[in-house]
Protein backbone atom coordinates (compact mmCIF):
# COMPACT_ATOMS: atom_id res chain seq x y z
CA UNK A 1 -59.80 35.98 17.65
CA UNK A 2 -57.58 35.68 14.33
CA UNK A 3 -54.06 36.06 14.57
CA UNK A 4 -51.27 37.43 12.45
CA UNK A 5 -48.03 36.16 13.11
CA UNK A 6 -44.91 37.58 11.56
CA UNK A 7 -40.76 36.26 12.19
CA UNK A 8 -37.85 37.50 10.55
CA UNK A 9 -35.38 37.23 12.98
CA UNK A 10 -33.36 33.83 11.59
CA UNK A 11 -32.67 32.93 8.17
CA UNK A 12 -36.22 31.63 7.87
CA UNK A 13 -39.27 34.36 7.14
CA UNK A 14 -42.41 32.89 8.86
CA UNK A 15 -46.01 34.13 8.32
CA UNK A 16 -48.88 32.33 10.14
CA UNK A 17 -52.61 32.89 10.71
CA UNK A 18 -54.81 31.42 13.24
CA UNK A 19 -58.10 31.37 14.80
CA UNK A 20 -57.34 31.27 18.37
CA UNK A 21 -55.03 28.22 18.87
CA UNK A 22 -56.05 26.78 15.32
CA UNK A 23 -53.51 27.32 12.58
CA UNK A 24 -55.18 28.41 9.44
CA UNK A 25 -52.03 28.85 7.39
CA UNK A 26 -48.39 28.70 7.74
CA UNK A 27 -45.76 29.86 5.19
CA UNK A 28 -42.16 30.25 5.56
CA UNK A 29 -39.14 31.10 3.19
CA UNK A 30 -35.71 30.08 4.35
CA UNK A 31 -33.67 32.59 2.42
CA UNK A 32 -32.79 35.01 4.69
CA UNK A 33 -31.06 37.75 2.14
CA UNK A 34 -34.55 38.02 0.69
CA UNK A 35 -36.49 38.78 4.02
CA UNK A 36 -37.33 42.57 3.00
CA UNK A 37 -38.46 41.44 -0.44
CA UNK A 38 -40.54 38.26 0.47
CA UNK A 39 -42.47 39.33 3.62
CA UNK A 40 -44.73 41.30 1.93
CA UNK A 41 -46.07 39.01 -0.84
CA UNK A 42 -45.90 36.29 1.73
CA UNK A 43 -48.51 38.18 3.84
CA UNK A 44 -50.27 38.78 0.75
CA UNK A 45 -50.69 34.91 0.05
CA UNK A 46 -51.63 34.21 3.78
CA UNK A 47 -54.44 36.55 3.29
CA UNK A 48 -55.54 35.51 -0.31
CA UNK A 49 -55.19 31.66 0.63
CA UNK A 50 -57.22 32.25 4.18
CA UNK A 51 -59.96 34.70 2.42
CA UNK A 52 -58.79 37.31 4.99
CA UNK A 53 -57.63 40.81 5.12
CA UNK A 54 -56.26 42.60 7.87
CA UNK A 55 -59.25 44.21 8.70
CA UNK A 56 -59.65 40.49 10.28
CA UNK A 57 -56.69 40.27 12.49
CA UNK A 58 -57.57 41.05 16.08
CA UNK A 59 -54.29 40.37 17.44
CA UNK A 60 -50.57 40.71 15.77
CA UNK A 61 -47.77 38.83 17.40
CA UNK A 62 -43.98 39.28 16.37
CA UNK A 63 -40.67 38.02 16.99
CA UNK A 64 -38.46 40.95 18.65
CA UNK A 65 -35.25 38.77 18.70
CA UNK A 66 -32.14 38.20 19.39
CA UNK A 67 -31.57 36.96 15.81
CA UNK A 68 -30.02 39.31 12.79
CA UNK A 69 -29.88 42.79 13.47
CA UNK A 70 -31.81 43.71 9.79
CA UNK A 71 -34.10 40.98 9.94
CA UNK A 72 -35.49 41.92 13.50
CA UNK A 73 -36.41 45.34 11.99
CA UNK A 74 -37.78 44.01 9.31
CA UNK A 75 -40.13 41.92 11.08
CA UNK A 76 -41.16 44.58 13.88
CA UNK A 77 -41.30 47.42 11.13
CA UNK A 78 -43.92 45.82 9.61
CA UNK A 79 -46.15 44.69 12.26
CA UNK A 80 -45.77 48.11 13.87
CA UNK A 81 -47.45 49.73 10.52
CA UNK A 82 -50.02 46.92 10.85
CA UNK A 83 -51.04 47.84 14.61
CA UNK A 84 -50.94 51.82 13.46
CA UNK A 85 -52.99 51.74 10.43
CA UNK A 86 -55.82 49.56 11.91
CA UNK A 87 -55.44 49.84 15.62
CA UNK A 88 -54.53 46.19 16.32
CA UNK A 89 -53.14 45.29 19.58
CA UNK A 90 -49.49 43.81 19.29
CA UNK A 91 -47.92 40.83 21.34
CA UNK A 92 -43.61 41.00 21.23
CA UNK A 93 -42.14 37.37 21.72
CA UNK A 94 -38.55 36.45 22.10
CA UNK A 95 -37.16 34.37 19.46
CA UNK A 96 -35.50 31.93 22.20
CA UNK A 97 -38.82 31.77 23.89
CA UNK A 98 -40.32 31.01 20.35
CA UNK A 99 -37.97 28.24 19.92
CA UNK A 100 -38.68 26.88 23.59
CA UNK A 101 -42.47 26.56 22.17
CA UNK A 102 -41.42 24.29 19.44
CA UNK A 103 -40.63 21.42 21.98
CA UNK A 104 -43.42 22.37 24.76
CA UNK A 105 -45.45 19.30 24.15
CA UNK A 106 -42.29 17.52 25.26
CA UNK A 107 -41.63 19.30 28.36
CA UNK A 108 -43.25 19.32 31.63
CA UNK A 109 -42.66 20.99 35.03
CA UNK A 110 -39.08 18.79 35.35
CA UNK A 111 -38.08 19.68 31.83
CA UNK A 112 -35.24 22.40 31.68
CA UNK A 113 -35.89 23.68 27.85
CA UNK A 114 -32.49 25.29 27.04
CA UNK A 115 -33.07 27.47 23.71
CA UNK A 116 -29.85 28.53 22.16
CA UNK A 117 -29.14 30.51 18.91
CA UNK A 118 -25.34 30.97 17.41
CA UNK A 119 -24.29 33.94 17.80
CA UNK A 120 -21.01 33.39 15.89
CA UNK A 121 -17.52 33.34 17.19
CA UNK A 122 -17.99 30.69 19.77
CA UNK A 123 -20.82 32.72 21.19
CA UNK A 124 -24.82 31.99 21.76
CA UNK A 125 -27.78 33.70 22.79
CA UNK A 126 -29.47 31.73 25.63
CA UNK A 127 -33.02 31.45 26.92
CA UNK A 128 -34.19 28.83 29.76
CA UNK A 129 -37.60 28.10 29.86
CA UNK A 130 -39.91 25.77 32.16
CA UNK A 131 -43.27 24.77 30.96
CA UNK A 132 -46.01 23.98 33.67
CA UNK A 133 -49.54 23.58 33.23
CA UNK A 134 -49.24 25.00 29.70
CA UNK A 135 -47.36 27.97 30.94
CA UNK A 136 -43.77 29.38 29.97
CA UNK A 137 -41.60 30.61 32.71
CA UNK A 138 -38.64 31.85 32.12
CA UNK A 139 -35.59 30.77 33.88
CA UNK A 140 -32.69 32.93 32.29
CA UNK A 141 -32.38 35.37 29.30
CA UNK A 142 -28.59 35.88 28.49
CA UNK A 143 -25.96 35.89 25.97
CA UNK A 144 -21.91 34.46 26.47
CA UNK A 145 -19.45 32.21 25.21
CA UNK A 146 -20.44 28.73 25.02
CA UNK A 147 -18.19 28.14 28.08
CA UNK A 148 -20.24 30.51 30.19
CA UNK A 149 -23.51 29.21 28.90
CA UNK A 150 -22.24 25.81 29.84
CA UNK A 151 -21.71 26.76 33.17
CA UNK A 152 -25.34 28.39 33.64
CA UNK A 153 -27.17 25.70 32.04
CA UNK A 154 -24.96 23.06 34.85
CA UNK A 155 -25.75 25.40 37.64
CA UNK A 156 -29.40 24.92 37.09
CA UNK A 157 -29.18 21.00 35.70
CA UNK A 158 -29.34 19.31 38.90
CA UNK A 159 -32.96 21.18 39.68
CA UNK A 160 -34.51 19.06 36.52
CA UNK A 161 -35.06 15.58 35.37
CA UNK A 162 -34.14 16.44 32.14
CA UNK A 163 -32.77 19.01 29.72
CA UNK A 164 -34.20 19.57 25.98
CA UNK A 165 -31.65 21.47 23.78
CA UNK A 166 -33.44 23.40 20.73
CA UNK A 167 -31.89 26.02 18.36
CA UNK A 168 -29.19 26.59 16.07
CA UNK A 169 -26.98 26.79 18.68
CA UNK A 170 -27.92 23.34 19.46
CA UNK A 171 -26.59 21.94 16.26
CA UNK A 172 -23.12 24.18 16.10
CA UNK A 173 -22.23 23.20 19.63
CA UNK A 174 -23.93 19.71 20.15
CA UNK A 175 -20.77 17.89 21.01
CA UNK A 176 -19.86 20.04 23.77
CA UNK A 177 -23.01 19.53 25.12
CA UNK A 178 -23.73 16.35 25.01
CA UNK A 179 -19.89 15.60 26.56
CA UNK A 180 -21.40 17.27 29.74
CA UNK A 181 -25.27 16.81 29.55
CA UNK A 182 -25.82 13.18 27.53
CA UNK A 183 -27.28 11.50 30.65
CA UNK A 184 -30.54 13.47 31.16
CA UNK A 185 -30.32 15.94 27.65
CA UNK A 186 -32.53 15.16 24.80
CA UNK A 187 -31.34 17.11 21.62
CA UNK A 188 -33.86 18.73 19.18
CA UNK A 189 -32.46 17.38 16.01
CA UNK A 190 -32.91 15.48 12.72
CA UNK A 191 -29.03 15.41 12.01
CA UNK A 192 -27.44 14.39 15.04
CA UNK A 193 -26.52 10.65 15.21
CA UNK A 194 -28.24 10.24 19.07
CA UNK A 195 -30.90 7.71 19.95
CA UNK A 196 -32.87 10.71 21.96
CA UNK A 197 -33.49 12.57 18.91
CA UNK A 198 -36.55 14.53 18.57
CA UNK A 199 -38.22 13.67 14.98
CA UNK A 200 -39.75 17.07 14.83
CA UNK A 201 -39.66 19.31 11.42
CA UNK A 202 -36.94 21.66 11.83
CA UNK A 203 -37.42 22.15 15.22
CA UNK A 204 -34.35 24.30 15.34
CA UNK A 205 -36.01 26.90 13.34
CA UNK A 206 -38.45 29.48 14.47
CA UNK A 207 -41.74 28.95 13.15
CA UNK A 208 -45.03 30.95 12.98
CA UNK A 209 -47.23 28.38 14.81
CA UNK A 210 -44.63 28.38 17.94
CA UNK A 211 -45.14 32.51 17.83
CA UNK A 212 -48.65 32.06 17.62
CA UNK A 213 -48.83 29.80 20.76
CA UNK A 214 -46.30 32.03 22.84
CA UNK A 215 -48.41 34.94 21.62
CA UNK A 216 -51.36 33.73 23.06
CA UNK A 217 -50.23 32.84 26.50
CA UNK A 218 -48.86 36.49 26.62
CA UNK A 219 -51.93 38.22 25.44
CA UNK A 220 -53.80 36.04 28.04
CA UNK A 221 -51.68 37.27 30.67
CA UNK A 222 -52.18 40.75 29.55
CA UNK A 223 -48.48 41.44 27.84
CA UNK A 224 -49.37 43.05 24.71
CA UNK A 225 -50.15 46.77 23.95
CA UNK A 226 -50.06 49.30 21.12
CA UNK A 227 -47.10 49.70 18.56
CA UNK A 228 -45.01 51.20 21.17
CA UNK A 229 -45.11 48.25 23.02
CA UNK A 230 -42.49 46.17 21.02
CA UNK A 231 -38.63 46.98 20.25
CA UNK A 232 -35.96 44.98 19.21
CA UNK A 233 -33.91 42.55 21.96
CA UNK A 234 -30.67 42.03 20.43
CA UNK A 235 -28.84 41.12 23.61
CA UNK A 236 -25.80 41.74 21.83
CA UNK A 237 -25.46 45.57 20.14
CA UNK A 238 -24.54 46.19 16.70
CA UNK A 239 -20.97 47.20 15.58
CA UNK A 240 -22.28 50.82 15.17
CA UNK A 241 -24.03 50.66 18.39
CA UNK A 242 -21.25 49.48 20.53
CA UNK A 243 -19.21 52.45 18.84
CA UNK A 244 -21.75 54.85 19.44
CA UNK A 245 -21.92 53.58 23.25
CA UNK A 246 -18.30 54.33 23.81
CA UNK A 247 -19.21 57.95 23.55
CA UNK A 248 -21.72 58.03 26.07
CA UNK A 249 -20.72 59.88 29.17
CA UNK A 250 -22.58 59.79 32.74
CA UNK A 251 -22.14 62.18 34.98
CA UNK A 252 -24.46 64.06 38.08
CA UNK A 253 -27.36 66.26 37.00
CA UNK A 254 -26.56 69.97 37.55
CA UNK A 255 -28.95 72.85 37.54
CA UNK A 256 -27.61 74.05 34.11
CA UNK A 257 -28.74 70.41 33.03
CA UNK A 258 -31.78 70.96 34.29
CA UNK A 259 -32.25 74.19 32.36
CA UNK A 260 -31.18 72.52 29.39
CA UNK A 261 -33.19 69.33 29.89
CA UNK A 262 -36.74 71.89 30.64
CA UNK A 263 -36.32 73.86 26.78
CA UNK A 264 -38.20 70.81 24.92
CA UNK A 265 -38.91 68.40 27.70
CA UNK A 266 -42.34 66.73 26.38
CA UNK A 267 -41.25 66.49 22.82
CA UNK A 268 -37.66 65.34 23.41
CA UNK A 269 -37.67 63.62 26.36
CA UNK A 270 -40.80 62.42 27.90
CA UNK A 271 -44.65 63.28 27.90
CA UNK A 272 -45.56 61.11 30.85
CA UNK A 273 -43.34 62.98 33.21
CA UNK A 274 -43.76 66.46 34.36
CA UNK A 275 -40.97 68.91 34.06
CA UNK A 276 -41.54 70.67 37.38
CA UNK A 277 -41.82 67.22 39.47
CA UNK A 278 -38.69 66.47 37.98
CA UNK A 279 -37.31 69.93 39.34
CA UNK A 280 -39.03 68.86 42.77
CA UNK A 281 -37.30 65.52 42.98
CA UNK A 282 -33.89 66.96 41.56
CA UNK A 283 -33.88 69.29 44.63
CA UNK A 284 -34.62 66.66 47.59
CA UNK A 285 -31.57 65.85 49.84
CA UNK A 286 -32.24 62.16 49.45
CA UNK A 287 -32.37 62.05 45.60
CA UNK A 288 -29.73 61.99 43.01
CA UNK A 289 -29.97 62.08 39.35
CA UNK A 290 -27.30 61.59 36.49
CA UNK A 291 -27.46 62.70 32.84
CA UNK A 292 -26.17 60.79 30.17
CA UNK A 293 -24.50 63.08 27.27
CA UNK A 294 -22.95 62.27 23.72
CA UNK A 295 -20.65 64.89 22.46
CA UNK A 296 -22.33 67.42 25.36
CA UNK A 297 -25.83 66.68 24.48
CA UNK A 298 -27.95 65.69 27.10
CA UNK A 299 -29.55 62.25 25.90
CA UNK A 300 -31.09 60.71 28.77
CA UNK A 301 -31.31 61.08 32.59
CA UNK A 302 -32.39 58.73 35.39
CA UNK A 303 -32.76 59.40 39.20
CA UNK A 304 -32.82 57.26 42.59
CA UNK A 305 -34.14 57.93 45.93
CA UNK A 306 -31.88 56.40 48.70
CA UNK A 307 -33.34 56.30 52.31
CA UNK A 308 -31.30 54.41 54.79
CA UNK A 309 -30.18 51.12 53.28
CA UNK A 310 -33.30 50.94 50.53
CA UNK A 311 -33.06 52.64 47.25
CA UNK A 312 -36.10 53.55 44.80
CA UNK A 313 -35.35 53.85 41.22
CA UNK A 314 -37.41 57.16 40.35
CA UNK A 315 -36.96 57.12 36.48
CA UNK A 316 -34.60 56.00 33.69
CA UNK A 317 -35.69 58.56 30.37
CA UNK A 318 -33.88 58.64 27.25
CA UNK A 319 -34.40 60.95 24.71
CA UNK A 320 -37.04 60.39 22.09
CA UNK A 321 -34.34 60.10 18.96
CA UNK A 322 -31.86 58.40 20.98
CA UNK A 323 -33.17 55.05 22.34
CA UNK A 324 -32.51 51.85 21.99
CA UNK A 325 -28.83 52.73 21.80
CA UNK A 326 -27.38 51.50 25.19
CA UNK A 327 -28.18 54.69 27.12
CA UNK A 328 -30.51 53.43 29.42
CA UNK A 329 -28.30 50.35 30.16
CA UNK A 330 -25.60 52.98 30.97
CA UNK A 331 -28.03 54.93 33.19
CA UNK A 332 -29.17 51.98 34.97
CA UNK A 333 -25.55 50.77 35.35
CA UNK A 334 -25.17 53.75 37.19
CA UNK A 335 -27.69 54.10 39.63
CA UNK A 336 -27.19 50.51 40.94
CA UNK A 337 -23.59 51.16 41.61
CA UNK A 338 -24.58 54.45 43.28
CA UNK A 339 -27.08 52.74 45.32
CA UNK A 340 -24.37 49.96 46.49
CA UNK A 341 -21.96 52.61 47.40
CA UNK A 342 -24.37 54.07 49.82
CA UNK A 343 -24.90 50.87 51.36
CA UNK A 344 -28.39 50.09 49.79
CA UNK A 345 -29.11 46.58 50.48
CA UNK A 346 -32.66 46.75 48.57
CA UNK A 347 -33.35 48.42 45.04
CA UNK A 348 -36.83 48.45 43.87
CA UNK A 349 -38.75 50.30 41.38
CA UNK A 350 -41.93 50.06 39.23
CA UNK A 351 -42.48 50.03 35.28
CA UNK A 352 -45.46 49.72 33.18
CA UNK A 353 -46.58 46.40 32.24
CA UNK A 354 -46.38 46.73 28.69
CA UNK A 355 -42.93 48.41 28.55
CA UNK A 356 -41.79 45.46 27.13
CA UNK A 357 -38.34 46.61 26.47
CA UNK A 358 -37.78 48.38 30.10
CA UNK A 359 -38.99 45.09 31.65
CA UNK A 360 -36.14 43.24 29.78
CA UNK A 361 -33.54 45.68 30.83
CA UNK A 362 -34.34 45.23 34.51
CA UNK A 363 -34.22 41.71 33.97
CA UNK A 364 -30.99 41.47 32.73
CA UNK A 365 -29.55 43.26 35.70
CA UNK A 366 -31.25 40.54 37.68
CA UNK A 367 -34.42 42.53 38.87
CA UNK A 368 -37.31 40.14 40.15
CA UNK A 369 -40.65 40.70 39.46
CA UNK A 370 -42.45 41.14 43.49
CA UNK A 371 -45.91 42.74 42.76
CA UNK A 372 -48.62 44.20 40.91
CA UNK A 373 -50.31 47.47 41.22
CA UNK A 374 -53.64 47.24 39.16
CA UNK A 375 -54.59 50.09 36.57
CA UNK A 376 -51.46 52.08 38.44
CA UNK A 377 -51.41 54.49 35.46
CA UNK A 378 -53.53 56.93 34.21
CA UNK A 379 -56.00 54.57 35.92
CA UNK A 380 -55.75 51.83 32.90
CA UNK A 381 -51.96 50.26 32.52
CA UNK A 382 -50.90 47.80 35.28
CA UNK A 383 -47.43 48.50 37.17
CA UNK A 384 -45.15 45.60 37.93
CA UNK A 385 -43.17 45.93 40.78
CA UNK A 386 -39.13 44.87 40.71
CA UNK A 387 -36.51 44.66 42.98
CA UNK A 388 -32.85 43.29 43.51
CA UNK A 389 -31.11 42.68 46.41
CA UNK A 390 -27.44 43.12 47.08
């Protein structure tokens, strides 16, 4: 299997090609302001030097963030185009997980890898990971102030023999992490004066090789799909999106809303849901539906079914041209609040295993994976069962 990996999420632009886990070429450029100009020439160079072409590639791997808002989109757009043109499956990998793979050879089941990306203004993106038998398990995926992240790490530190800090956030806030965790901490840096320093080439920057290894493991677990399966994961929204989110209003669905949604349901909202099924579910006594509106335009809807103290999330659907603007987040938050207000102790749902964007959203709200239904969707795609307890 020949794999092409692209990462434009940080100041480093990386293009890597491998045959399985054997790296054939790993190119990079450290000028983050030229990713849009340098990426395609780097891809051409990688193909030229390996005597390969896009026709030879059987898997694409792409960093999906968090990181530079513009940079992440450049990489994802390029990989989507390649995938659509040649029908190549795609794996999306968090830039925080990719960083964790930089130190995978030094980590074991008793090690907590702390991937940190500087989000400016004393904030960091944080991913906490544990490696066991070559598998990478995500413990935490969040963003917050340095103090908040320190508290998160501190609450878990006692469960591990050592901590490995990696990423440019590790460099920026090294003194604070050293002060609290020096007894069991290892800092992945060539610049920090520390006897436990890891002597690796640029371990605090993403690289194509680590992206390849992370992508292979995800592929083996079935975590891949077509071009629609990858979306930017920012953890923190752009300023424009934060301003837009202020205008999103959530209210209970009415019969008038149903009529409005029905007009162009399959083209504007979701071609997987049947409008008649939605209408039937909306009319049930134990179902509650909400709509999201921007300037009186319905841009999304979501439903939940509550029986005694159990709640089942039925769907969260966003208008096609309004996705990734925080609408799903606000709808999910409303569903959870409604369930708790009605005394639900357990909230559950099912989600397509290839819908990485939705899975990341649910995990941000602390939903845990509790099961798997094989070939549940159209007798092809698996469904992941998730739940959260009050």
